[in-house]
């Protein structure tokens, strides 16, 4: 059975830190592709207060077998004390694209 492709969500405080993460993850073969969605607004509770910030959302494509290494790199490079990193399995998609993701991270 082929390795499960994951779509990972990760927010960053700005374009510069998002680019550092994306370059490292793709450059090190931990992600096949990273999309940057700039200027999202995030509202969340932090240290007892409701906060709204402008952030950059990264959509990271990787595989189940590379996720642990990807997570460690995100935690090492991310400027937040508690970075968001959520992985969702891709259950359907264009087969050739999913094969490309697998080949790119293996």
PDB file of N, CA and C in Angstrom:
ATOM      1  N   UNK A   1       0.838  -1.177   0.000  1.00  0.00           N
ATOM      2  CA  UNK A   1       0.000   0.000   0.000  1.00  0.00           C
ATOM      3  C   UNK A   1       0.890   1.249   0.000  1.00  0.00           C
ATOM      4  N   UNK A   2       0.555   2.241  -0.845  1.00  0.00           N
ATOM      5  CA  UNK A   2       1.410   3.433  -0.910  1.00  0.00           C
ATOM      6  C   UNK A   2       1.341   4.264   0.364  1.00  0.00           C
ATOM      7  N   UNK A   3       2.417   4.982   0.616  1.00  0.00           N
ATOM      8  CA  UNK A   3       2.516   5.877   1.765  1.00  0.00           C
ATOM      9  C   UNK A   3       1.404   6.927   1.695  1.00  0.00           C
ATOM     10  N   UNK A   4       0.733   7.192   2.803  1.00  0.00           N
ATOM     11  CA  UNK A   4      -0.348   8.176   2.844  1.00  0.00           C
ATOM     12  C   UNK A   4       0.210   9.578   2.671  1.00  0.00           C
ATOM     13  N   UNK A   5      -0.381  10.339   1.768  1.00  0.00           N
ATOM     14  CA  UNK A   5      -0.023  11.738   1.587  1.00  0.00           C
ATOM     15  C   UNK A   5      -0.746  12.547   2.657  1.00  0.00           C
ATOM     16  N   UNK A   6      -0.051  13.522   3.230  1.00  0.00           N
ATOM     17  CA  UNK A   6      -0.626  14.400   4.253  1.00  0.00           C
ATOM     18  C   UNK A   6      -0.628  15.834   3.755  1.00  0.00           C
ATOM     19  N   UNK A   7      -1.665  16.569   4.126  1.00  0.00           N
ATOM     20  CA  UNK A   7      -1.716  18.007   3.931  1.00  0.00           C
ATOM     21  C   UNK A   7      -1.586  18.621   5.319  1.00  0.00           C
ATOM     22  N   UNK A   8      -0.509  19.370   5.533  1.00  0.00           N
ATOM     23  CA  UNK A   8      -0.229  19.953   6.843  1.00  0.00           C
ATOM     24  C   UNK A   8      -0.471  21.449   6.810  1.00  0.00           C
ATOM     25  N   UNK A   9      -1.088  21.933   7.869  1.00  0.00           N
ATOM     26  CA  UNK A   9      -1.355  23.355   8.039  1.00  0.00           C
ATOM     27  C   UNK A   9      -0.398  23.909   9.093  1.00  0.00           C
ATOM     28  N   UNK A  10       0.216  25.039   8.777  1.00  0.00           N
ATOM     29  CA  UNK A  10       1.129  25.678   9.719  1.00  0.00           C
ATOM     30  C   UNK A  10       1.045  27.183   9.527  1.00  0.00           C
ATOM     31  N   UNK A  11       0.750  27.919  10.594  1.00  0.00           N
ATOM     32  CA  UNK A  11       0.711  29.374  10.505  1.00  0.00           C
ATOM     33  C   UNK A  11       2.051  29.951  10.947  1.00  0.00           C
ATOM     34  N   UNK A  12       2.401  31.077  10.314  1.00  0.00           N
ATOM     35  CA  UNK A  12       3.638  31.790  10.627  1.00  0.00           C
ATOM     36  C   UNK A  12       3.310  33.267  10.832  1.00  0.00           C
ATOM     37  N   UNK A  13       4.138  33.968  11.605  1.00  0.00           N
ATOM     38  CA  UNK A  13       3.836  35.365  11.888  1.00  0.00           C
ATOM     39  C   UNK A  13       4.034  36.306  10.703  1.00  0.00           C
ATOM     40  N   UNK A  14       4.862  35.905   9.731  1.00  0.00           N
ATOM     41  CA  UNK A  14       5.162  36.807   8.614  1.00  0.00           C
ATOM     42  C   UNK A  14       5.715  36.013   7.430  1.00  0.00           C
ATOM     43  N   UNK A  15       5.837  36.714   6.297  1.00  0.00           N
ATOM     44  CA  UNK A  15       6.306  36.068   5.070  1.00  0.00           C
ATOM     45  C   UNK A  15       7.740  35.566   5.180  1.00  0.00           C
ATOM     46  N   UNK A  16       8.567  36.286   5.901  1.00  0.00           N
ATOM     47  CA  UNK A  16       9.973  35.898   6.031  1.00  0.00           C
ATOM     48  C   UNK A  16      10.128  34.563   6.759  1.00  0.00           C
ATOM     49  N   UNK A  17       9.479  34.407   7.904  1.00  0.00           N
ATOM     50  CA  UNK A  17       9.580  33.141   8.641  1.00  0.00           C
ATOM     51  C   UNK A  17       8.906  32.007   7.875  1.00  0.00           C
ATOM     52  N   UNK A  18       7.838  32.322   7.142  1.00  0.00           N
ATOM     53  CA  UNK A  18       7.174  31.304   6.314  1.00  0.00           C
ATOM     54  C   UNK A  18       8.123  30.812   5.221  1.00  0.00           C
ATOM     55  N   UNK A  19       8.861  31.736   4.608  1.00  0.00           N
ATOM     56  CA  UNK A  19       9.795  31.359   3.542  1.00  0.00           C
ATOM     57  C   UNK A  19      10.938  30.506   4.073  1.00  0.00           C
ATOM     58  N   UNK A  20      11.451  30.845   5.255  1.00  0.00           N
ATOM     59  CA  UNK A  20      12.516  30.049   5.872  1.00  0.00           C
ATOM     60  C   UNK A  20      12.050  28.609   6.066  1.00  0.00           C
ATOM     61  N   UNK A  21      10.848  28.444   6.604  1.00  0.00           N
ATOM     62  CA  UNK A  21      10.300  27.093   6.808  1.00  0.00           C
ATOM     63  C   UNK A  21      10.109  26.366   5.490  1.00  0.00           C
ATOM     64  N   UNK A  22       9.481  27.027   4.534  1.00  0.00           N
ATOM     65  CA  UNK A  22       9.210  26.388   3.245  1.00  0.00           C
ATOM     66  C   UNK A  22      10.500  25.961   2.553  1.00  0.00           C
ATOM     67  N   UNK A  23      11.493  26.844   2.529  1.00  0.00           N
ATOM     68  CA  UNK A  23      12.774  26.519   1.890  1.00  0.00           C
ATOM     69  C   UNK A  23      13.432  25.319   2.553  1.00  0.00           C
ATOM     70  N   UNK A  24      13.418  25.275   3.878  1.00  0.00           N
ATOM     71  CA  UNK A  24      14.047  24.169   4.594  1.00  0.00           C
ATOM     72  C   UNK A  24      13.310  22.864   4.338  1.00  0.00           C
ATOM     73  N   UNK A  25      12.000  22.871   4.427  1.00  0.00           N
ATOM     74  CA  UNK A  25      11.231  21.630   4.282  1.00  0.00           C
ATOM     75  C   UNK A  25      11.335  21.057   2.880  1.00  0.00           C
ATOM     76  N   UNK A  26      11.231  21.910   1.865  1.00  0.00           N
ATOM     77  CA  UNK A  26      11.357  21.422   0.483  1.00  0.00           C
ATOM     78  C   UNK A  26      12.811  21.087   0.177  1.00  0.00           C
ATOM     79  N   UNK A  27      13.718  21.949   0.596  1.00  0.00           N
ATOM     80  CA  UNK A  27      15.145  21.732   0.330  1.00  0.00           C
ATOM     81  C   UNK A  27      15.689  20.459   0.943  1.00  0.00           C
ATOM     82  N   UNK A  28      15.161  20.093   2.105  1.00  0.00           N
ATOM     83  CA  UNK A  28      15.620  18.883   2.794  1.00  0.00           C
ATOM     84  C   UNK A  28      14.806  17.644   2.421  1.00  0.00           C
ATOM     85  N   UNK A  29      13.885  17.772   1.470  1.00  0.00           N
ATOM     86  CA  UNK A  29      13.103  16.626   1.013  1.00  0.00           C
ATOM     87  C   UNK A  29      12.036  16.169   2.003  1.00  0.00           C
ATOM     88  N   UNK A  30      11.656  17.041   2.924  1.00  0.00           N
ATOM     89  CA  UNK A  30      10.616  16.686   3.900  1.00  0.00           C
ATOM     90  C   UNK A  30       9.227  17.052   3.398  1.00  0.00           C
ATOM     91  N   UNK A  31       9.159  17.934   2.412  1.00  0.00           N
ATOM     92  CA  UNK A  31       7.900  18.335   1.798  1.00  0.00           C
ATOM     93  C   UNK A  31       8.098  18.399   0.293  1.00  0.00           C
ATOM     94  N   UNK A  32       7.059  18.025  -0.442  1.00  0.00           N
ATOM     95  CA  UNK A  32       7.117  18.109  -1.899  1.00  0.00           C
ATOM     96  C   UNK A  32       6.823  19.527  -2.370  1.00  0.00           C
ATOM     97  N   UNK A  33       5.939  20.210  -1.653  1.00  0.00           N
ATOM     98  CA  UNK A  33       5.468  21.521  -2.056  1.00  0.00           C
ATOM     99  C   UNK A  33       4.923  22.232  -0.826  1.00  0.00           C
ATOM    100  N   UNK A  34       5.107  23.539  -0.793  1.00  0.00           N
ATOM    101  CA  UNK A  34       4.533  24.364   0.272  1.00  0.00           C
ATOM    102  C   UNK A  34       3.879  25.578  -0.373  1.00  0.00           C
ATOM    103  N   UNK A  35       2.584  25.740  -0.152  1.00  0.00           N
ATOM    104  CA  UNK A  35       1.861  26.923  -0.629  1.00  0.00           C
ATOM    105  C   UNK A  35       1.791  27.937   0.499  1.00  0.00           C
ATOM    106  N   UNK A  36       1.957  29.215   0.155  1.00  0.00           N
ATOM    107  CA  UNK A  36       1.890  30.307   1.125  1.00  0.00           C
ATOM    108  C   UNK A  36       0.591  31.076   0.879  1.00  0.00           C
ATOM    109  N   UNK A  37      -0.233  31.187   1.896  1.00  0.00           N
ATOM    110  CA  UNK A  37      -1.450  31.997   1.811  1.00  0.00           C
ATOM    111  C   UNK A  37      -1.254  33.196   2.729  1.00  0.00           C
ATOM    112  N   UNK A  38      -0.920  34.362   2.170  1.00  0.00           N
ATOM    113  CA  UNK A  38      -0.604  35.529   2.993  1.00  0.00           C
ATOM    114  C   UNK A  38      -1.853  36.213   3.544  1.00  0.00           C
ATOM    115  N   UNK A  39      -1.608  37.004   4.580  1.00  0.00           N
ATOM    116  CA  UNK A  39      -2.620  37.897   5.122  1.00  0.00           C
ATOM    117  C   UNK A  39      -3.907  37.217   5.581  1.00  0.00           C
ATOM    118  N   UNK A  40      -3.768  36.069   6.223  1.00  0.00           N
ATOM    119  CA  UNK A  40      -4.942  35.499   6.870  1.00  0.00           C
ATOM    120  C   UNK A  40      -5.073  36.160   8.234  1.00  0.00           C
ATOM    121  N   UNK A  41      -6.256  36.143   8.790  1.00  0.00           N
ATOM    122  CA  UNK A  41      -6.494  36.675  10.131  1.00  0.00           C
ATOM    123  C   UNK A  41      -6.798  35.501  11.038  1.00  0.00           C
ATOM    124  N   UNK A  42      -6.108  35.413  12.143  1.00  0.00           N
ATOM    125  CA  UNK A  42      -6.314  34.336  13.111  1.00  0.00           C
ATOM    126  C   UNK A  42      -6.754  34.943  14.443  1.00  0.00           C
ATOM    127  N   UNK A  43      -7.829  34.393  14.994  1.00  0.00           N
ATOM    128  CA  UNK A  43      -8.293  34.794  16.321  1.00  0.00           C
ATOM    129  C   UNK A  43      -8.206  33.575  17.218  1.00  0.00           C
ATOM    130  N   UNK A  44      -7.561  33.737  18.363  1.00  0.00           N
ATOM    131  CA  UNK A  44      -7.302  32.605  19.245  1.00  0.00           C
ATOM    132  C   UNK A  44      -7.130  33.107  20.673  1.00  0.00           C
ATOM    133  N   UNK A  45      -7.183  32.184  21.605  1.00  0.00           N
ATOM    134  CA  UNK A  45      -6.951  32.524  23.006  1.00  0.00           C
ATOM    135  C   UNK A  45      -5.496  32.188  23.328  1.00  0.00           C
ATOM    136  N   UNK A  46      -4.774  33.165  23.890  1.00  0.00           N
ATOM    137  CA  UNK A  46      -3.380  32.949  24.262  1.00  0.00           C
ATOM    138  C   UNK A  46      -3.118  33.677  25.575  1.00  0.00           C
ATOM    139  N   UNK A  47      -2.609  32.938  26.538  1.00  0.00           N
ATOM    140  CA  UNK A  47      -2.282  33.465  27.857  1.00  0.00           C
ATOM    141  C   UNK A  47      -3.458  34.238  28.461  1.00  0.00           C
ATOM    142  N   UNK A  48      -4.656  33.649  28.338  1.00  0.00           N
ATOM    143  CA  UNK A  48      -5.853  34.192  28.955  1.00  0.00           C
ATOM    144  C   UNK A  48      -6.537  35.327  28.215  1.00  0.00           C
ATOM    145  N   UNK A  49      -6.018  35.695  27.052  1.00  0.00           N
ATOM    146  CA  UNK A  49      -6.596  36.800  26.284  1.00  0.00           C
ATOM    147  C   UNK A  49      -7.010  36.308  24.899  1.00  0.00           C
ATOM    148  N   UNK A  50      -8.053  36.931  24.349  1.00  0.00           N
ATOM    149  CA  UNK A  50      -8.427  36.694  22.952  1.00  0.00           C
ATOM    150  C   UNK A  50      -7.607  37.646  22.095  1.00  0.00           C
ATOM    151  N   UNK A  51      -6.879  37.085  21.141  1.00  0.00           N
ATOM    152  CA  UNK A  51      -5.946  37.837  20.309  1.00  0.00           C
ATOM    153  C   UNK A  51      -6.319  37.618  18.843  1.00  0.00           C
ATOM    154  N   UNK A  52      -6.174  38.649  18.038  1.00  0.00           N
ATOM    155  CA  UNK A  52      -6.322  38.533  16.586  1.00  0.00           C
ATOM    156  C   UNK A  52      -5.043  39.046  15.948  1.00  0.00           C
ATOM    157  N   UNK A  53      -4.453  38.226  15.080  1.00  0.00           N
ATOM    158  CA  UNK A  53      -3.202  38.576  14.411  1.00  0.00           C
ATOM    159  C   UNK A  53      -3.301  38.301  12.921  1.00  0.00           C
ATOM    160  N   UNK A  54      -2.473  38.987  12.165  1.00  0.00           N
ATOM    161  CA  UNK A  54      -2.275  38.694  10.760  1.00  0.00           C
ATOM    162  C   UNK A  54      -1.183  37.631  10.667  1.00  0.00           C
ATOM    163  N   UNK A  55      -1.413  36.587   9.877  1.00  0.00           N
ATOM    164  CA  UNK A  55      -0.442  35.498   9.739  1.00  0.00           C
ATOM    165  C   UNK A  55      -0.356  35.041   8.295  1.00  0.00           C
ATOM    166  N   UNK A  56       0.603  34.205   8.028  1.00  0.00           N
ATOM    167  CA  UNK A  56       0.756  33.513   6.750  1.00  0.00           C
ATOM    168  C   UNK A  56       0.457  32.051   7.019  1.00  0.00           C
ATOM    169  N   UNK A  57      -0.423  31.457   6.216  1.00  0.00           N
ATOM    170  CA  UNK A  57      -0.740  30.034   6.348  1.00  0.00           C
ATOM    171  C   UNK A  57       0.054  29.246   5.323  1.00  0.00           C
ATOM    172  N   UNK A  58       0.765  28.235   5.796  1.00  0.00           N
ATOM    173  CA  UNK A  58       1.469  27.322   4.898  1.00  0.00           C
ATOM    174  C   UNK A  58       0.652  26.053   4.747  1.00  0.00           C
ATOM    175  N   UNK A  59       0.499  25.598   3.497  1.00  0.00           N
ATOM    176  CA  UNK A  59      -0.095  24.302   3.193  1.00  0.00           C
ATOM    177  C   UNK A  59       1.046  23.427   2.702  1.00  0.00           C
ATOM    178  N   UNK A  60       1.394  22.451   3.510  1.00  0.00           N
ATOM    179  CA  UNK A  60       2.589  21.634   3.283  1.00  0.00           C
ATOM    180  C   UNK A  60       2.168  20.237   2.855  1.00  0.00           C
ATOM    181  N   UNK A  61       2.709  19.760   1.730  1.00  0.00           N
ATOM    182  CA  UNK A  61       2.413  18.404   1.265  1.00  0.00           C
ATOM    183  C   UNK A  61       3.586  17.491   1.558  1.00  0.00           C
ATOM    184  N   UNK A  62       3.301  16.424   2.306  1.00  0.00           N
ATOM    185  CA  UNK A  62       4.319  15.449   2.687  1.00  0.00           C
ATOM    186  C   UNK A  62       3.661  14.078   2.771  1.00  0.00           C
ATOM    187  N   UNK A  63       4.367  13.130   3.383  1.00  0.00           N
ATOM    188  CA  UNK A  63       3.806  11.788   3.567  1.00  0.00           C
ATOM    189  C   UNK A  63       3.869  11.397   5.039  1.00  0.00           C
ATOM    190  N   UNK A  64       3.084  10.402   5.369  1.00  0.00           N
ATOM    191  CA  UNK A  64       3.044   9.891   6.740  1.00  0.00           C
ATOM    192  C   UNK A  64       4.443   9.488   7.216  1.00  0.00           C
ATOM    193  N   UNK A  65       5.194   8.851   6.345  1.00  0.00           N
ATOM    194  CA  UNK A  65       6.522   8.361   6.754  1.00  0.00           C
ATOM    195  C   UNK A  65       7.531   9.489   6.997  1.00  0.00           C
ATOM    196  N   UNK A  66       7.301  10.683   6.463  1.00  0.00           N
ATOM    197  CA  UNK A  66       8.226  11.804   6.661  1.00  0.00           C
ATOM    198  C   UNK A  66       7.729  12.809   7.694  1.00  0.00           C
ATOM    199  N   UNK A  67       6.513  12.584   8.235  1.00  0.00           N
ATOM    200  CA  UNK A  67       5.905  13.584   9.110  1.00  0.00           C
ATOM    201  C   UNK A  67       6.712  13.829  10.380  1.00  0.00           C
ATOM    202  N   UNK A  68       7.208  12.805  11.020  1.00  0.00           N
ATOM    203  CA  UNK A  68       7.946  12.995  12.280  1.00  0.00           C
ATOM    204  C   UNK A  68       9.165  13.891  12.061  1.00  0.00           C
ATOM    205  N   UNK A  69       9.898  13.684  10.968  1.00  0.00           N
ATOM    206  CA  UNK A  69      11.062  14.523  10.667  1.00  0.00           C
ATOM    207  C   UNK A  69      10.625  15.953  10.333  1.00  0.00           C
ATOM    208  N   UNK A  70       9.550  16.077   9.574  1.00  0.00           N
ATOM    209  CA  UNK A  70       9.019  17.394   9.236  1.00  0.00           C
ATOM    210  C   UNK A  70       8.626  18.144  10.504  1.00  0.00           C
ATOM    211  N   UNK A  71       7.932  17.474  11.406  1.00  0.00           N
ATOM    212  CA  UNK A  71       7.510  18.095  12.665  1.00  0.00           C
ATOM    213  C   UNK A  71       8.725  18.609  13.445  1.00  0.00           C
ATOM    214  N   UNK A  72       9.765  17.803  13.528  1.00  0.00           N
ATOM    215  CA  UNK A  72      10.960  18.218  14.263  1.00  0.00           C
ATOM    216  C   UNK A  72      11.607  19.455  13.648  1.00  0.00           C
ATOM    217  N   UNK A  73      11.647  19.535  12.322  1.00  0.00           N
ATOM    218  CA  UNK A  73      12.225  20.711  11.654  1.00  0.00           C
ATOM    219  C   UNK A  73      11.368  21.940  11.885  1.00  0.00           C
ATOM    220  N   UNK A  74      10.039  21.783  11.799  1.00  0.00           N
ATOM    221  CA  UNK A  74       9.150  22.917  12.065  1.00  0.00           C
ATOM    222  C   UNK A  74       9.370  23.424  13.485  1.00  0.00           C
ATOM    223  N   UNK A  75       9.412  22.524  14.453  1.00  0.00           N
ATOM    224  CA  UNK A  75       9.602  22.937  15.847  1.00  0.00           C
ATOM    225  C   UNK A  75      10.959  23.608  16.060  1.00  0.00           C
ATOM    226  N   UNK A  76      11.975  23.159  15.340  1.00  0.00           N
ATOM    227  CA  UNK A  76      13.309  23.736  15.482  1.00  0.00           C
ATOM    228  C   UNK A  76      13.426  25.129  14.848  1.00  0.00           C
ATOM    229  N   UNK A  77      12.711  25.356  13.748  1.00  0.00           N
ATOM    230  CA  UNK A  77      12.872  26.597  12.986  1.00  0.00           C
ATOM    231  C   UNK A  77      11.802  27.644  13.249  1.00  0.00           C
ATOM    232  N   UNK A  78      10.680  27.249  13.797  1.00  0.00           N
ATOM    233  CA  UNK A  78       9.532  28.144  13.919  1.00  0.00           C
ATOM    234  C   UNK A  78       9.751  29.174  15.028  1.00  0.00           C
ATOM    235  N   UNK A  79       9.373  30.435  14.776  1.00  0.00           N
ATOM    236  CA  UNK A  79       9.576  31.460  15.806  1.00  0.00           C
ATOM    237  C   UNK A  79       8.550  31.439  16.942  1.00  0.00           C
ATOM    238  N   UNK A  80       7.417  30.771  16.761  1.00  0.00           N
ATOM    239  CA  UNK A  80       6.413  30.731  17.821  1.00  0.00           C
ATOM    240  C   UNK A  80       6.814  29.767  18.930  1.00  0.00           C
ATOM    241  N   UNK A  81       6.419  30.094  20.145  1.00  0.00           N
ATOM    242  CA  UNK A  81       6.602  29.202  21.285  1.00  0.00           C
ATOM    243  C   UNK A  81       5.803  27.911  21.099  1.00  0.00           C
ATOM    244  N   UNK A  82       4.617  28.027  20.521  1.00  0.00           N
ATOM    245  CA  UNK A  82       3.726  26.890  20.299  1.00  0.00           C
ATOM    246  C   UNK A  82       3.187  26.943  18.867  1.00  0.00           C
ATOM    247  N   UNK A  83       3.983  26.453  17.893  1.00  0.00           N
ATOM    248  CA  UNK A  83       3.547  26.532  16.501  1.00  0.00           C
ATOM    249  C   UNK A  83       2.362  25.611  16.206  1.00  0.00           C
ATOM    250  N   UNK A  84       1.495  26.106  15.337  1.00  0.00           N
ATOM    251  CA  UNK A  84       0.404  25.275  14.829  1.00  0.00           C
ATOM    252  C   UNK A  84       0.969  24.342  13.764  1.00  0.00           C
ATOM    253  N   UNK A  85       0.717  23.062  13.923  1.00  0.00           N
ATOM    254  CA  UNK A  85       1.052  22.084  12.896  1.00  0.00           C
ATOM    255  C   UNK A  85       0.001  20.995  12.967  1.00  0.00           C
ATOM    256  N   UNK A  86      -0.839  20.955  11.956  1.00  0.00           N
ATOM    257  CA  UNK A  86      -1.941  19.993  11.888  1.00  0.00           C
ATOM    258  C   UNK A  86      -1.799  19.220  10.593  1.00  0.00           C
ATOM    259  N   UNK A  87      -1.846  17.904  10.655  1.00  0.00           N
ATOM    260  CA  UNK A  87      -1.719  17.060   9.473  1.00  0.00           C
ATOM    261  C   UNK A  87      -3.029  16.327   9.227  1.00  0.00           C
ATOM    262  N   UNK A  88      -3.490  16.399   7.982  1.00  0.00           N
ATOM    263  CA  UNK A  88      -4.733  15.750   7.578  1.00  0.00           C
ATOM    264  C   UNK A  88      -4.408  14.774   6.455  1.00  0.00           C
ATOM    265  N   UNK A  89      -4.830  13.514   6.577  1.00  0.00           N
ATOM    266  CA  UNK A  89      -4.572  12.567   5.492  1.00  0.00           C
ATOM    267  C   UNK A  89      -5.381  12.925   4.245  1.00  0.00           C
ATOM    268  N   UNK A  90      -4.740  12.795   3.105  1.00  0.00           N
ATOM    269  CA  UNK A  90      -5.409  13.007   1.822  1.00  0.00           C
ATOM    270  C   UNK A  90      -5.996  11.671   1.394  1.00  0.00           C
ATOM    271  N   UNK A  91      -7.306  11.587   1.368  1.00  0.00           N
ATOM    272  CA  UNK A  91      -7.958  10.322   1.043  1.00  0.00           C
ATOM    273  C   UNK A  91      -8.310  10.207  -0.438  1.00  0.00           C
ATOM    274  N   UNK A  92      -8.362  11.327  -1.126  1.00  0.00           N
ATOM    275  CA  UNK A  92      -8.648  11.329  -2.555  1.00  0.00           C
ATOM    276  C   UNK A  92      -7.843  12.451  -3.205  1.00  0.00           C
ATOM    277  N   UNK A  93      -7.537  12.259  -4.475  1.00  0.00           N
ATOM    278  CA  UNK A  93      -6.817  13.289  -5.214  1.00  0.00           C
ATOM    279  C   UNK A  93      -6.399  12.769  -6.571  1.00  0.00           C
ATOM    280  N   UNK A  94      -5.751  13.616  -7.319  1.00  0.00           N
ATOM    281  CA  UNK A  94      -5.227  13.248  -8.632  1.00  0.00           C
ATOM    282  C   UNK A  94      -4.067  12.276  -8.407  1.00  0.00           C
ATOM    283  N   UNK A  95      -4.223  11.044  -8.861  1.00  0.00           N
ATOM    284  CA  UNK A  95      -3.262   9.979  -8.560  1.00  0.00           C
ATOM    285  C   UNK A  95      -1.836  10.350  -8.973  1.00  0.00           C
ATOM    286  N   UNK A  96      -1.684  10.946 -10.135  1.00  0.00           N
ATOM    287  CA  UNK A  96      -0.334  11.303 -10.599  1.00  0.00           C
ATOM    288  C   UNK A  96       0.291  12.359  -9.689  1.00  0.00           C
ATOM    289  N   UNK A  97      -0.505  13.302  -9.212  1.00  0.00           N
ATOM    290  CA  UNK A  97       0.017  14.319  -8.291  1.00  0.00           C
ATOM    291  C   UNK A  97       0.425  13.690  -6.960  1.00  0.00           C
ATOM    292  N   UNK A  98      -0.417  12.811  -6.428  1.00  0.00           N
ATOM    293  CA  UNK A  98      -0.088  12.151  -5.162  1.00  0.00           C
ATOM    294  C   UNK A  98       1.167  11.299  -5.299  1.00  0.00           C
ATOM    295  N   UNK A  99       1.337  10.650  -6.444  1.00  0.00           N
ATOM    296  CA  UNK A  99       2.565   9.890  -6.700  1.00  0.00           C
ATOM    297  C   UNK A  99       3.784  10.820  -6.732  1.00  0.00           C
ATOM    298  N   UNK A 100       3.618  12.010  -7.314  1.00  0.00           N
ATOM    299  CA  UNK A 100       4.702  12.988  -7.359  1.00  0.00           C
ATOM    300  C   UNK A 100       5.090  13.425  -5.943  1.00  0.00           C
ATOM    301  N   UNK A 101       4.088  13.662  -5.083  1.00  0.00           N
ATOM    302  CA  UNK A 101       4.384  14.022  -3.696  1.00  0.00           C
ATOM    303  C   UNK A 101       5.212  12.926  -3.045  1.00  0.00           C
ATOM    304  N   UNK A 102       4.773  11.686  -3.195  1.00  0.00           N
ATOM    305  CA  UNK A 102       5.503  10.551  -2.588  1.00  0.00           C
ATOM    306  C   UNK A 102       6.930  10.472  -3.101  1.00  0.00           C
ATOM    307  N   UNK A 103       7.093  10.601  -4.412  1.00  0.00           N
ATOM    308  CA  UNK A 103       8.438  10.514  -5.013  1.00  0.00           C
ATOM    309  C   UNK A 103       9.334  11.676  -4.566  1.00  0.00           C
ATOM    310  N   UNK A 104       8.737  12.836  -4.345  1.00  0.00           N
ATOM    311  CA  UNK A 104       9.507  14.027  -3.999  1.00  0.00           C
ATOM    312  C   UNK A 104      10.042  14.007  -2.571  1.00  0.00           C
ATOM    313  N   UNK A 105       9.404  13.265  -1.694  1.00  0.00           N
ATOM    314  CA  UNK A 105       9.838  13.250  -0.292  1.00  0.00           C
ATOM    315  C   UNK A 105      10.520  11.947   0.106  1.00  0.00           C
ATOM    316  N   UNK A 106      10.696  11.052  -0.810  1.00  0.00           N
ATOM    317  CA  UNK A 106      11.363   9.779  -0.504  1.00  0.00           C
ATOM    318  C   UNK A 106      12.752   9.722  -1.078  1.00  0.00           C
TER     319      UNK A 106
END
